[in-house]
Amino acid sequence: MRAHNNVAGASPLRQPTTGDRLELAADVLGHLAQPVRLHLLRLLAEGEQDVTTLTAQVDATRSSVSQHLGRLRIAGLVQTRRDGRRVVYRITSDHLRELVEQAYQFAGHLVDHIPHHYAER
């Protein structure tokens, strides 16, 4: 994976805000807003897995897991590959991996009443 280069050292938060980018970002966050999907993405952030392995780790039926994975695949958040008769899923991006983990860590602060920490700006 290649690293992103900021133009003239600009912060990613200083990039122009466009309607298309906002719409797509909201769509991605909408896919993360379902607990089973978020759990599946956290598991896939650890490495490739098939439906059977994922189903054993989440509170959902195999059919439900397959449907959620299908939606994540259509949205471009997971990819598949064949391994014999199995279909193996993987997360598509390190950005997504970080986003999922940051959302989970942020929730942990709220649930466990841990003070938030801020980066120097």
N, C-alpha and C. Protein backbone atom coordinates (compact mmCIF):
# COMPACT_ATOMS: atom_id res chain seq x y z
N MET A 1 0.81 -1.18 0.00
CA MET A 1 0.00 0.00 0.00
C MET A 1 0.86 1.24 0.00
N ARG A 2 0.48 2.23 -0.80
CA ARG A 2 1.29 3.43 -0.84
C ARG A 2 0.74 4.47 0.12
N ALA A 3 1.61 5.30 0.61
CA ALA A 3 1.21 6.37 1.54
C ALA A 3 0.65 7.54 0.75
N HIS A 4 -0.23 8.29 1.37
CA HIS A 4 -0.76 9.50 0.76
C HIS A 4 0.19 10.65 1.05
N ASN A 5 0.39 11.48 0.05
CA ASN A 5 1.21 12.68 0.23
C ASN A 5 0.29 13.88 0.30
N ASN A 6 0.40 14.66 1.36
CA ASN A 6 -0.38 15.89 1.48
C ASN A 6 0.25 16.96 0.60
N VAL A 7 -0.55 17.66 -0.15
CA VAL A 7 -0.07 18.72 -1.01
C VAL A 7 0.43 19.86 -0.14
N ALA A 8 1.67 20.26 -0.38
CA ALA A 8 2.30 21.37 0.34
C ALA A 8 2.18 21.22 1.85
N GLY A 9 2.17 19.98 2.35
CA GLY A 9 2.12 19.75 3.79
C GLY A 9 0.79 20.05 4.43
N ALA A 10 -0.27 20.19 3.64
CA ALA A 10 -1.59 20.52 4.17
C ALA A 10 -2.14 19.37 4.99
N SER A 11 -2.81 19.72 6.07
CA SER A 11 -3.47 18.73 6.90
C SER A 11 -4.64 18.13 6.13
N PRO A 12 -4.91 16.81 6.31
CA PRO A 12 -6.07 16.22 5.63
C PRO A 12 -7.37 16.93 5.99
N LEU A 13 -7.46 17.51 7.19
CA LEU A 13 -8.68 18.21 7.60
C LEU A 13 -8.81 19.55 6.89
N ARG A 14 -7.75 20.03 6.28
CA ARG A 14 -7.78 21.31 5.58
C ARG A 14 -8.10 21.15 4.10
N GLN A 15 -8.29 19.91 3.63
CA GLN A 15 -8.64 19.69 2.24
C GLN A 15 -10.04 20.24 1.98
N PRO A 16 -10.30 20.66 0.75
CA PRO A 16 -11.64 21.21 0.44
C PRO A 16 -12.74 20.19 0.76
N THR A 17 -13.82 20.68 1.31
CA THR A 17 -14.97 19.83 1.62
C THR A 17 -15.92 19.90 0.43
N THR A 18 -16.18 18.75 -0.17
CA THR A 18 -17.06 18.71 -1.33
C THR A 18 -18.29 17.87 -1.03
N GLY A 19 -19.36 18.14 -1.73
CA GLY A 19 -20.59 17.39 -1.55
C GLY A 19 -20.43 15.91 -1.80
N ASP A 20 -19.72 15.55 -2.89
CA ASP A 20 -19.53 14.13 -3.21
C ASP A 20 -18.77 13.41 -2.11
N ARG A 21 -17.71 14.03 -1.62
CA ARG A 21 -16.90 13.41 -0.60
C ARG A 21 -17.71 13.27 0.70
N LEU A 22 -18.47 14.29 1.05
CA LEU A 22 -19.31 14.22 2.25
C LEU A 22 -20.36 13.14 2.13
N GLU A 23 -20.99 13.03 0.98
CA GLU A 23 -22.02 12.00 0.76
C GLU A 23 -21.43 10.61 0.91
N LEU A 24 -20.27 10.39 0.31
CA LEU A 24 -19.64 9.08 0.39
C LEU A 24 -19.18 8.76 1.80
N ALA A 25 -18.62 9.76 2.49
CA ALA A 25 -18.20 9.55 3.88
C ALA A 25 -19.39 9.20 4.76
N ALA A 26 -20.52 9.87 4.56
CA ALA A 26 -21.73 9.58 5.32
C ALA A 26 -22.23 8.16 5.01
N ASP A 27 -22.11 7.75 3.75
CA ASP A 27 -22.52 6.40 3.36
C ASP A 27 -21.65 5.35 4.06
N VAL A 28 -20.34 5.57 4.09
CA VAL A 28 -19.43 4.65 4.77
C VAL A 28 -19.79 4.57 6.25
N LEU A 29 -19.99 5.72 6.88
CA LEU A 29 -20.34 5.72 8.31
C LEU A 29 -21.69 5.04 8.55
N GLY A 30 -22.60 5.18 7.60
CA GLY A 30 -23.89 4.50 7.71
C GLY A 30 -23.73 2.99 7.73
N HIS A 31 -22.81 2.47 6.94
CA HIS A 31 -22.55 1.03 6.94
C HIS A 31 -21.92 0.59 8.25
N LEU A 32 -21.17 1.47 8.90
CA LEU A 32 -20.55 1.14 10.18
C LEU A 32 -21.53 1.27 11.34
N ALA A 33 -22.68 1.89 11.10
CA ALA A 33 -23.63 2.18 12.17
C ALA A 33 -24.43 0.97 12.63
N GLN A 34 -24.23 -0.18 12.04
CA GLN A 34 -24.93 -1.40 12.42
C GLN A 34 -23.94 -2.26 13.22
N PRO A 35 -24.29 -2.63 14.47
CA PRO A 35 -23.33 -3.35 15.33
C PRO A 35 -22.75 -4.63 14.73
N VAL A 36 -23.54 -5.43 14.04
CA VAL A 36 -23.00 -6.67 13.46
C VAL A 36 -21.97 -6.33 12.39
N ARG A 37 -22.26 -5.34 11.55
CA ARG A 37 -21.30 -4.96 10.51
C ARG A 37 -20.01 -4.42 11.12
N LEU A 38 -20.14 -3.59 12.13
CA LEU A 38 -18.96 -3.06 12.80
C LEU A 38 -18.13 -4.19 13.40
N HIS A 39 -18.80 -5.16 14.01
CA HIS A 39 -18.09 -6.31 14.58
C HIS A 39 -17.39 -7.11 13.48
N LEU A 40 -18.08 -7.35 12.37
CA LEU A 40 -17.46 -8.08 11.25
C LEU A 40 -16.23 -7.35 10.74
N LEU A 41 -16.32 -6.03 10.61
CA LEU A 41 -15.17 -5.26 10.12
C LEU A 41 -14.02 -5.29 11.12
N ARG A 42 -14.32 -5.26 12.42
CA ARG A 42 -13.24 -5.38 13.42
C ARG A 42 -12.55 -6.73 13.30
N LEU A 43 -13.33 -7.78 13.10
CA LEU A 43 -12.74 -9.11 12.94
C LEU A 43 -11.90 -9.20 11.67
N LEU A 44 -12.40 -8.62 10.58
CA LEU A 44 -11.67 -8.66 9.33
C LEU A 44 -10.43 -7.75 9.36
N ALA A 45 -10.42 -6.77 10.24
CA ALA A 45 -9.24 -5.93 10.41
C ALA A 45 -8.06 -6.75 10.94
N GLU A 46 -8.37 -7.88 11.59
CA GLU A 46 -7.34 -8.78 12.12
C GLU A 46 -6.79 -9.70 11.04
N GLY A 47 -7.53 -9.87 9.94
CA GLY A 47 -7.08 -10.74 8.85
C GLY A 47 -8.26 -11.37 8.13
N GLU A 48 -7.96 -12.01 7.02
CA GLU A 48 -8.98 -12.65 6.20
C GLU A 48 -9.70 -13.76 6.96
N GLN A 49 -11.01 -13.88 6.70
CA GLN A 49 -11.81 -14.94 7.33
C GLN A 49 -12.96 -15.31 6.41
N ASP A 50 -13.47 -16.52 6.57
CA ASP A 50 -14.63 -16.95 5.80
C ASP A 50 -15.90 -16.78 6.64
N VAL A 51 -17.04 -17.02 6.01
CA VAL A 51 -18.33 -16.82 6.67
C VAL A 51 -18.48 -17.70 7.91
N THR A 52 -18.07 -18.95 7.81
CA THR A 52 -18.20 -19.87 8.94
C THR A 52 -17.41 -19.37 10.14
N THR A 53 -16.19 -18.94 9.93
CA THR A 53 -15.35 -18.44 11.01
C THR A 53 -15.93 -17.16 11.60
N LEU A 54 -16.41 -16.28 10.75
CA LEU A 54 -17.00 -15.03 11.23
C LEU A 54 -18.29 -15.29 12.02
N THR A 55 -19.12 -16.17 11.51
CA THR A 55 -20.39 -16.48 12.18
C THR A 55 -20.16 -17.00 13.59
N ALA A 56 -19.12 -17.79 13.78
CA ALA A 56 -18.82 -18.34 15.11
C ALA A 56 -18.42 -17.25 16.11
N GLN A 57 -18.09 -16.05 15.61
CA GLN A 57 -17.58 -15.00 16.48
C GLN A 57 -18.57 -13.85 16.72
N VAL A 58 -19.68 -13.84 16.00
CA VAL A 58 -20.66 -12.76 16.16
C VAL A 58 -22.00 -13.31 16.59
N ASP A 59 -22.82 -12.44 17.12
CA ASP A 59 -24.15 -12.83 17.58
C ASP A 59 -25.14 -12.65 16.43
N ALA A 60 -25.03 -13.54 15.42
CA ALA A 60 -25.91 -13.48 14.26
C ALA A 60 -25.89 -14.84 13.57
N THR A 61 -26.93 -15.10 12.80
CA THR A 61 -27.00 -16.35 12.05
C THR A 61 -26.07 -16.28 10.85
N ARG A 62 -25.76 -17.42 10.29
CA ARG A 62 -24.91 -17.49 9.09
C ARG A 62 -25.55 -16.70 7.95
N SER A 63 -26.86 -16.83 7.80
CA SER A 63 -27.57 -16.10 6.76
C SER A 63 -27.43 -14.59 6.95
N SER A 64 -27.59 -14.14 8.18
CA SER A 64 -27.47 -12.71 8.48
C SER A 64 -26.04 -12.22 8.22
N VAL A 65 -25.06 -13.00 8.65
CA VAL A 65 -23.65 -12.64 8.43
C VAL A 65 -23.39 -12.53 6.92
N SER A 66 -23.89 -13.48 6.15
CA SER A 66 -23.71 -13.45 4.70
C SER A 66 -24.34 -12.20 4.09
N GLN A 67 -25.52 -11.84 4.56
CA GLN A 67 -26.19 -10.64 4.05
C GLN A 67 -25.41 -9.37 4.39
N HIS A 68 -24.93 -9.29 5.62
CA HIS A 68 -24.13 -8.13 6.03
C HIS A 68 -22.85 -8.04 5.21
N LEU A 69 -22.18 -9.17 5.01
CA LEU A 69 -20.96 -9.17 4.22
C LEU A 69 -21.24 -8.77 2.77
N GLY A 70 -22.37 -9.20 2.25
CA GLY A 70 -22.76 -8.80 0.89
C GLY A 70 -22.94 -7.31 0.77
N ARG A 71 -23.58 -6.71 1.75
CA ARG A 71 -23.76 -5.25 1.73
C ARG A 71 -22.42 -4.53 1.85
N LEU A 72 -21.56 -5.04 2.72
CA LEU A 72 -20.22 -4.44 2.87
C LEU A 72 -19.41 -4.58 1.58
N ARG A 73 -19.58 -5.71 0.89
CA ARG A 73 -18.88 -5.92 -0.38
C ARG A 73 -19.38 -4.97 -1.45
N ILE A 74 -20.70 -4.83 -1.56
CA ILE A 74 -21.28 -3.92 -2.55
C ILE A 74 -20.84 -2.48 -2.27
N ALA A 75 -20.70 -2.12 -1.01
CA ALA A 75 -20.27 -0.77 -0.62
C ALA A 75 -18.77 -0.57 -0.82
N GLY A 76 -18.04 -1.64 -1.13
CA GLY A 76 -16.61 -1.53 -1.35
C GLY A 76 -15.77 -1.55 -0.08
N LEU A 77 -16.37 -2.00 1.02
CA LEU A 77 -15.66 -2.01 2.30
C LEU A 77 -14.96 -3.34 2.56
N VAL A 78 -15.39 -4.40 1.89
CA VAL A 78 -14.70 -5.69 1.97
C VAL A 78 -14.55 -6.24 0.56
N GLN A 79 -13.56 -7.10 0.39
CA GLN A 79 -13.33 -7.80 -0.87
C GLN A 79 -13.35 -9.30 -0.58
N THR A 80 -13.53 -10.07 -1.65
CA THR A 80 -13.55 -11.52 -1.51
C THR A 80 -12.53 -12.16 -2.43
N ARG A 81 -12.18 -13.38 -2.07
CA ARG A 81 -11.39 -14.24 -2.96
C ARG A 81 -11.81 -15.67 -2.69
N ARG A 82 -11.67 -16.50 -3.69
CA ARG A 82 -12.00 -17.93 -3.54
C ARG A 82 -10.78 -18.68 -3.03
N ASP A 83 -11.04 -19.58 -2.10
CA ASP A 83 -10.01 -20.50 -1.60
C ASP A 83 -10.66 -21.88 -1.65
N GLY A 84 -10.54 -22.54 -2.79
CA GLY A 84 -11.26 -23.80 -2.99
C GLY A 84 -12.75 -23.51 -3.06
N ARG A 85 -13.51 -24.12 -2.17
CA ARG A 85 -14.96 -23.90 -2.13
C ARG A 85 -15.34 -22.74 -1.21
N ARG A 86 -14.39 -22.30 -0.42
CA ARG A 86 -14.67 -21.20 0.53
C ARG A 86 -14.52 -19.84 -0.13
N VAL A 87 -15.31 -18.88 0.35
CA VAL A 87 -15.13 -17.48 -0.02
C VAL A 87 -14.54 -16.79 1.20
N VAL A 88 -13.39 -16.17 0.99
CA VAL A 88 -12.68 -15.52 2.08
C VAL A 88 -12.83 -14.01 1.93
N TYR A 89 -13.13 -13.34 3.04
CA TYR A 89 -13.35 -11.90 3.05
C TYR A 89 -12.16 -11.20 3.67
N ARG A 90 -11.92 -9.96 3.19
CA ARG A 90 -10.88 -9.11 3.78
C ARG A 90 -11.34 -7.66 3.71
N ILE A 91 -10.85 -6.88 4.64
CA ILE A 91 -11.15 -5.45 4.67
C ILE A 91 -10.37 -4.78 3.53
N THR A 92 -10.90 -3.72 2.94
CA THR A 92 -10.31 -3.16 1.74
C THR A 92 -9.23 -2.11 1.97
N SER A 93 -9.13 -1.56 3.17
CA SER A 93 -8.27 -0.40 3.32
C SER A 93 -7.76 -0.24 4.75
N ASP A 94 -6.54 0.23 4.86
CA ASP A 94 -6.02 0.58 6.19
C ASP A 94 -6.78 1.77 6.76
N HIS A 95 -7.27 2.66 5.91
CA HIS A 95 -8.08 3.79 6.38
C HIS A 95 -9.33 3.26 7.09
N LEU A 96 -9.98 2.29 6.47
CA LEU A 96 -11.18 1.71 7.06
C LEU A 96 -10.85 0.99 8.36
N ARG A 97 -9.75 0.26 8.37
CA ARG A 97 -9.30 -0.44 9.57
C ARG A 97 -9.12 0.56 10.72
N GLU A 98 -8.48 1.69 10.45
CA GLU A 98 -8.28 2.72 11.47
C GLU A 98 -9.60 3.35 11.90
N LEU A 99 -10.47 3.61 10.95
CA LEU A 99 -11.77 4.21 11.25
C LEU A 99 -12.58 3.32 12.18
N VAL A 100 -12.62 2.03 11.88
CA VAL A 100 -13.35 1.07 12.71
C VAL A 100 -12.76 1.03 14.11
N GLU A 101 -11.45 0.96 14.21
CA GLU A 101 -10.80 0.89 15.52
C GLU A 101 -11.00 2.19 16.30
N GLN A 102 -10.91 3.32 15.63
CA GLN A 102 -11.11 4.60 16.32
C GLN A 102 -12.54 4.72 16.84
N ALA A 103 -13.52 4.28 16.05
CA ALA A 103 -14.92 4.32 16.51
C ALA A 103 -15.09 3.44 17.75
N TYR A 104 -14.46 2.27 17.72
CA TYR A 104 -14.56 1.35 18.86
C TYR A 104 -13.87 1.94 20.09
N GLN A 105 -12.70 2.53 19.89
CA GLN A 105 -11.98 3.14 21.01
C GLN A 105 -12.75 4.34 21.58
N PHE A 106 -13.35 5.15 20.72
CA PHE A 106 -14.15 6.29 21.17
C PHE A 106 -15.33 5.81 22.01
N ALA A 107 -16.00 4.75 21.55
CA ALA A 107 -17.12 4.18 22.31
C ALA A 107 -16.63 3.68 23.67
N GLY A 108 -15.44 3.11 23.71
CA GLY A 108 -14.86 2.65 24.97
C GLY A 108 -14.70 3.77 25.96
N HIS A 109 -14.30 4.95 25.49
CA HIS A 109 -14.19 6.11 26.37
C HIS A 109 -15.54 6.46 26.98
N LEU A 110 -16.58 6.40 26.16
CA LEU A 110 -17.92 6.74 26.65
C LEU A 110 -18.45 5.69 27.62
N VAL A 111 -18.31 4.43 27.27
CA VAL A 111 -18.83 3.34 28.10
C VAL A 111 -18.09 3.26 29.43
N ASP A 112 -16.77 3.38 29.37
CA ASP A 112 -15.95 3.22 30.58
C ASP A 112 -15.67 4.53 31.30
N HIS A 113 -16.27 5.63 30.82
CA HIS A 113 -16.12 6.95 31.43
C HIS A 113 -14.65 7.36 31.53
N ILE A 114 -13.92 7.12 30.45
CA ILE A 114 -12.51 7.50 30.37
C ILE A 114 -12.45 8.89 29.73
N PRO A 115 -11.71 9.82 30.33
CA PRO A 115 -11.61 11.15 29.72
C PRO A 115 -11.02 11.07 28.31
N HIS A 116 -11.54 11.90 27.44
CA HIS A 116 -11.01 11.95 26.08
C HIS A 116 -9.64 12.62 26.10
N HIS A 117 -8.83 12.29 25.12
CA HIS A 117 -7.52 12.93 25.00
C HIS A 117 -7.46 13.63 23.66
N TYR A 118 -6.72 14.69 23.62
CA TYR A 118 -6.67 15.52 22.43
C TYR A 118 -5.23 15.69 21.99
N ALA A 119 -5.04 15.69 20.67
CA ALA A 119 -3.73 15.95 20.10
C ALA A 119 -3.49 17.44 20.07
N GLU A 120 -2.25 17.84 20.27
CA GLU A 120 -1.88 19.24 20.15
C GLU A 120 -2.08 19.69 18.70
N ARG A 121 -2.64 20.83 18.50
CA ARG A 121 -2.87 21.35 17.14
C ARG A 121 -2.03 22.58 16.92
